[in-house]
Amino acid sequence: MDIECDIMATEELTKLDLRLIEYIKKGDFETKKWSTPEAARKLGVKNADIYKSLHSIAKNAKDRIYIHYKDGGIRISAE
């Protein structure tokens, strides 16, 4: 992705989106299962806010997040 597209995508992200990306980076959700309630609790928001934020990240910064299913749970990684 070129720099201009990356900047445009970042401008589309909310503060929660950016916080969630950092949380995902630090959480190693490639090796352990993702938990929306845990993320919501740690970020001080509602579960619905986490779902909306994941949607926003997947839509506006799709090259920065990878979501997949493995061994009975959702796995997420972010750059």
N, C-alpha and C. Protein backbone atom coordinates (compact mmCIF):
# COMPACT_ATOMS: atom_id res chain seq x y z
N MET A 1 0.85 -1.18 0.00
CA MET A 1 0.00 0.00 0.00
C MET A 1 0.89 1.23 0.00
N ASP A 2 0.52 2.22 -0.78
CA ASP A 2 1.33 3.43 -0.80
C ASP A 2 1.03 4.30 0.42
N ILE A 3 1.92 5.23 0.69
CA ILE A 3 1.82 6.07 1.89
C ILE A 3 0.53 6.88 1.90
N GLU A 4 0.14 7.43 0.76
CA GLU A 4 -1.07 8.25 0.70
C GLU A 4 -2.30 7.44 1.12
N CYS A 5 -2.43 6.21 0.65
CA CYS A 5 -3.56 5.36 1.02
C CYS A 5 -3.51 5.03 2.51
N ASP A 6 -2.32 4.78 3.04
CA ASP A 6 -2.18 4.47 4.46
C ASP A 6 -2.60 5.66 5.31
N ILE A 7 -2.23 6.86 4.90
CA ILE A 7 -2.62 8.07 5.64
C ILE A 7 -4.13 8.25 5.59
N MET A 8 -4.74 8.04 4.44
CA MET A 8 -6.18 8.18 4.31
C MET A 8 -6.89 7.18 5.20
N ALA A 9 -6.41 5.95 5.24
CA ALA A 9 -7.03 4.93 6.09
C ALA A 9 -6.91 5.31 7.55
N THR A 10 -5.76 5.81 7.96
CA THR A 10 -5.55 6.19 9.35
C THR A 10 -6.50 7.33 9.74
N GLU A 11 -6.76 8.25 8.83
CA GLU A 11 -7.67 9.35 9.12
C GLU A 11 -9.09 8.86 9.34
N GLU A 12 -9.44 7.71 8.77
CA GLU A 12 -10.77 7.14 8.92
C GLU A 12 -10.94 6.44 10.27
N LEU A 13 -9.85 6.14 10.95
CA LEU A 13 -9.90 5.40 12.20
C LEU A 13 -10.19 6.32 13.38
N THR A 14 -10.97 5.81 14.33
CA THR A 14 -11.28 6.56 15.55
C THR A 14 -10.17 6.33 16.58
N LYS A 15 -10.24 7.06 17.67
CA LYS A 15 -9.29 6.86 18.76
C LYS A 15 -9.41 5.44 19.30
N LEU A 16 -10.64 4.94 19.42
CA LEU A 16 -10.83 3.57 19.89
C LEU A 16 -10.22 2.58 18.91
N ASP A 17 -10.38 2.80 17.61
CA ASP A 17 -9.78 1.92 16.61
C ASP A 17 -8.27 1.83 16.81
N LEU A 18 -7.64 2.97 16.99
CA LEU A 18 -6.18 2.99 17.17
C LEU A 18 -5.78 2.31 18.48
N ARG A 19 -6.55 2.54 19.54
CA ARG A 19 -6.28 1.87 20.82
C ARG A 19 -6.46 0.36 20.69
N LEU A 20 -7.49 -0.06 19.95
CA LEU A 20 -7.74 -1.48 19.76
C LEU A 20 -6.62 -2.13 18.95
N ILE A 21 -6.12 -1.45 17.94
CA ILE A 21 -4.98 -1.98 17.17
C ILE A 21 -3.80 -2.21 18.10
N GLU A 22 -3.50 -1.26 18.95
CA GLU A 22 -2.39 -1.41 19.90
C GLU A 22 -2.64 -2.56 20.87
N TYR A 23 -3.86 -2.68 21.35
CA TYR A 23 -4.22 -3.78 22.26
C TYR A 23 -4.01 -5.12 21.56
N ILE A 24 -4.42 -5.22 20.32
CA ILE A 24 -4.26 -6.47 19.57
C ILE A 24 -2.78 -6.77 19.35
N LYS A 25 -1.99 -5.75 19.01
CA LYS A 25 -0.55 -5.95 18.80
C LYS A 25 0.11 -6.52 20.05
N LYS A 26 -0.26 -6.00 21.20
CA LYS A 26 0.37 -6.40 22.46
C LYS A 26 -0.19 -7.70 23.02
N GLY A 27 -1.37 -8.13 22.55
CA GLY A 27 -2.06 -9.25 23.16
C GLY A 27 -1.73 -10.63 22.66
N ASP A 28 -0.99 -10.78 21.58
CA ASP A 28 -0.62 -12.08 21.01
C ASP A 28 -1.85 -12.96 20.80
N PHE A 29 -2.85 -12.44 20.09
CA PHE A 29 -4.07 -13.19 19.82
C PHE A 29 -3.93 -14.13 18.64
N GLU A 30 -2.70 -14.33 18.20
CA GLU A 30 -2.41 -15.39 17.23
C GLU A 30 -2.28 -16.72 17.98
N THR A 31 -1.70 -16.69 19.17
CA THR A 31 -1.51 -17.93 19.92
C THR A 31 -2.61 -18.17 20.95
N LYS A 32 -3.26 -17.12 21.41
CA LYS A 32 -4.37 -17.31 22.34
C LYS A 32 -5.65 -16.77 21.71
N LYS A 33 -6.77 -17.34 22.13
CA LYS A 33 -8.07 -16.98 21.55
C LYS A 33 -8.46 -15.56 21.91
N TRP A 34 -9.11 -14.90 20.96
CA TRP A 34 -9.64 -13.56 21.13
C TRP A 34 -10.87 -13.59 22.03
N SER A 35 -11.00 -12.58 22.89
CA SER A 35 -12.18 -12.43 23.74
C SER A 35 -12.66 -10.98 23.65
N THR A 36 -13.81 -10.79 23.03
CA THR A 36 -14.38 -9.44 22.94
C THR A 36 -14.70 -8.87 24.31
N PRO A 37 -15.34 -9.65 25.22
CA PRO A 37 -15.62 -9.10 26.55
C PRO A 37 -14.35 -8.66 27.30
N GLU A 38 -13.28 -9.42 27.16
CA GLU A 38 -12.02 -9.05 27.81
C GLU A 38 -11.45 -7.76 27.22
N ALA A 39 -11.48 -7.65 25.90
CA ALA A 39 -11.00 -6.44 25.24
C ALA A 39 -11.83 -5.23 25.67
N ALA A 40 -13.15 -5.40 25.72
CA ALA A 40 -14.04 -4.31 26.13
C ALA A 40 -13.73 -3.87 27.55
N ARG A 41 -13.55 -4.83 28.43
CA ARG A 41 -13.25 -4.53 29.84
C ARG A 41 -11.92 -3.79 29.96
N LYS A 42 -10.90 -4.28 29.28
CA LYS A 42 -9.58 -3.66 29.38
C LYS A 42 -9.52 -2.27 28.75
N LEU A 43 -10.35 -2.03 27.73
CA LEU A 43 -10.36 -0.73 27.07
C LEU A 43 -11.45 0.19 27.62
N GLY A 44 -12.25 -0.33 28.55
CA GLY A 44 -13.26 0.50 29.20
C GLY A 44 -14.43 0.89 28.32
N VAL A 45 -14.83 -0.02 27.43
CA VAL A 45 -15.95 0.25 26.54
C VAL A 45 -16.90 -0.95 26.54
N LYS A 46 -17.98 -0.85 25.79
CA LYS A 46 -18.94 -1.95 25.68
C LYS A 46 -18.52 -2.92 24.58
N ASN A 47 -19.03 -4.17 24.68
CA ASN A 47 -18.75 -5.17 23.64
C ASN A 47 -19.11 -4.64 22.26
N ALA A 48 -20.27 -3.98 22.15
CA ALA A 48 -20.71 -3.45 20.85
C ALA A 48 -19.70 -2.47 20.27
N ASP A 49 -19.04 -1.69 21.14
CA ASP A 49 -18.02 -0.74 20.68
C ASP A 49 -16.83 -1.48 20.07
N ILE A 50 -16.46 -2.60 20.67
CA ILE A 50 -15.35 -3.40 20.14
C ILE A 50 -15.72 -3.96 18.77
N TYR A 51 -16.94 -4.49 18.64
CA TYR A 51 -17.36 -5.02 17.34
C TYR A 51 -17.37 -3.93 16.27
N LYS A 52 -17.87 -2.75 16.61
CA LYS A 52 -17.89 -1.63 15.66
C LYS A 52 -16.47 -1.23 15.28
N SER A 53 -15.58 -1.22 16.26
CA SER A 53 -14.20 -0.84 16.01
C SER A 53 -13.49 -1.87 15.13
N LEU A 54 -13.71 -3.15 15.39
CA LEU A 54 -13.12 -4.19 14.54
C LEU A 54 -13.61 -4.04 13.10
N HIS A 55 -14.89 -3.75 12.95
CA HIS A 55 -15.45 -3.53 11.61
C HIS A 55 -14.77 -2.34 10.94
N SER A 56 -14.61 -1.26 11.67
CA SER A 56 -13.98 -0.06 11.12
C SER A 56 -12.54 -0.33 10.70
N ILE A 57 -11.81 -1.05 11.54
CA ILE A 57 -10.41 -1.37 11.22
C ILE A 57 -10.35 -2.26 9.98
N ALA A 58 -11.22 -3.28 9.94
CA ALA A 58 -11.23 -4.19 8.80
C ALA A 58 -11.60 -3.47 7.51
N LYS A 59 -12.45 -2.46 7.61
CA LYS A 59 -12.88 -1.71 6.43
C LYS A 59 -11.87 -0.64 6.01
N ASN A 60 -11.38 0.12 6.98
CA ASN A 60 -10.56 1.30 6.67
C ASN A 60 -9.06 1.07 6.74
N ALA A 61 -8.64 -0.02 7.34
CA ALA A 61 -7.20 -0.32 7.45
C ALA A 61 -6.99 -1.81 7.29
N LYS A 62 -7.60 -2.37 6.26
CA LYS A 62 -7.61 -3.82 6.09
C LYS A 62 -6.21 -4.43 5.96
N ASP A 63 -5.23 -3.65 5.59
CA ASP A 63 -3.87 -4.16 5.51
C ASP A 63 -3.18 -4.19 6.87
N ARG A 64 -3.85 -3.67 7.90
CA ARG A 64 -3.25 -3.62 9.24
C ARG A 64 -3.80 -4.69 10.18
N ILE A 65 -4.80 -5.47 9.74
CA ILE A 65 -5.43 -6.44 10.63
C ILE A 65 -5.70 -7.74 9.87
N TYR A 66 -5.56 -8.85 10.59
CA TYR A 66 -5.83 -10.17 10.02
C TYR A 66 -6.67 -10.93 11.05
N ILE A 67 -7.88 -11.31 10.66
CA ILE A 67 -8.80 -12.02 11.54
C ILE A 67 -9.09 -13.37 10.92
N HIS A 68 -8.93 -14.45 11.70
CA HIS A 68 -9.23 -15.78 11.19
C HIS A 68 -9.65 -16.70 12.35
N TYR A 69 -10.12 -17.88 12.00
CA TYR A 69 -10.60 -18.86 12.97
C TYR A 69 -9.62 -20.02 13.02
N LYS A 70 -9.25 -20.45 14.23
CA LYS A 70 -8.30 -21.55 14.39
C LYS A 70 -8.53 -22.23 15.74
N ASP A 71 -8.54 -23.54 15.75
CA ASP A 71 -8.63 -24.33 16.97
C ASP A 71 -9.76 -23.88 17.90
N GLY A 72 -10.93 -23.65 17.32
CA GLY A 72 -12.11 -23.33 18.12
C GLY A 72 -12.22 -21.88 18.60
N GLY A 73 -11.43 -20.99 18.03
CA GLY A 73 -11.53 -19.60 18.45
C GLY A 73 -11.06 -18.63 17.39
N ILE A 74 -11.48 -17.41 17.56
CA ILE A 74 -11.06 -16.34 16.63
C ILE A 74 -9.65 -15.91 17.01
N ARG A 75 -8.82 -15.72 16.00
CA ARG A 75 -7.45 -15.23 16.17
C ARG A 75 -7.32 -13.91 15.42
N ILE A 76 -6.64 -12.96 16.03
CA ILE A 76 -6.47 -11.64 15.43
C ILE A 76 -5.03 -11.19 15.58
N SER A 77 -4.50 -10.63 14.51
CA SER A 77 -3.19 -9.99 14.60
C SER A 77 -3.28 -8.63 13.90
N ALA A 78 -2.41 -7.72 14.31
CA ALA A 78 -2.43 -6.36 13.74
C ALA A 78 -1.01 -5.85 13.59
N GLU A 79 -0.84 -4.99 12.62
CA GLU A 79 0.45 -4.33 12.38
C GLU A 79 0.36 -2.88 12.80
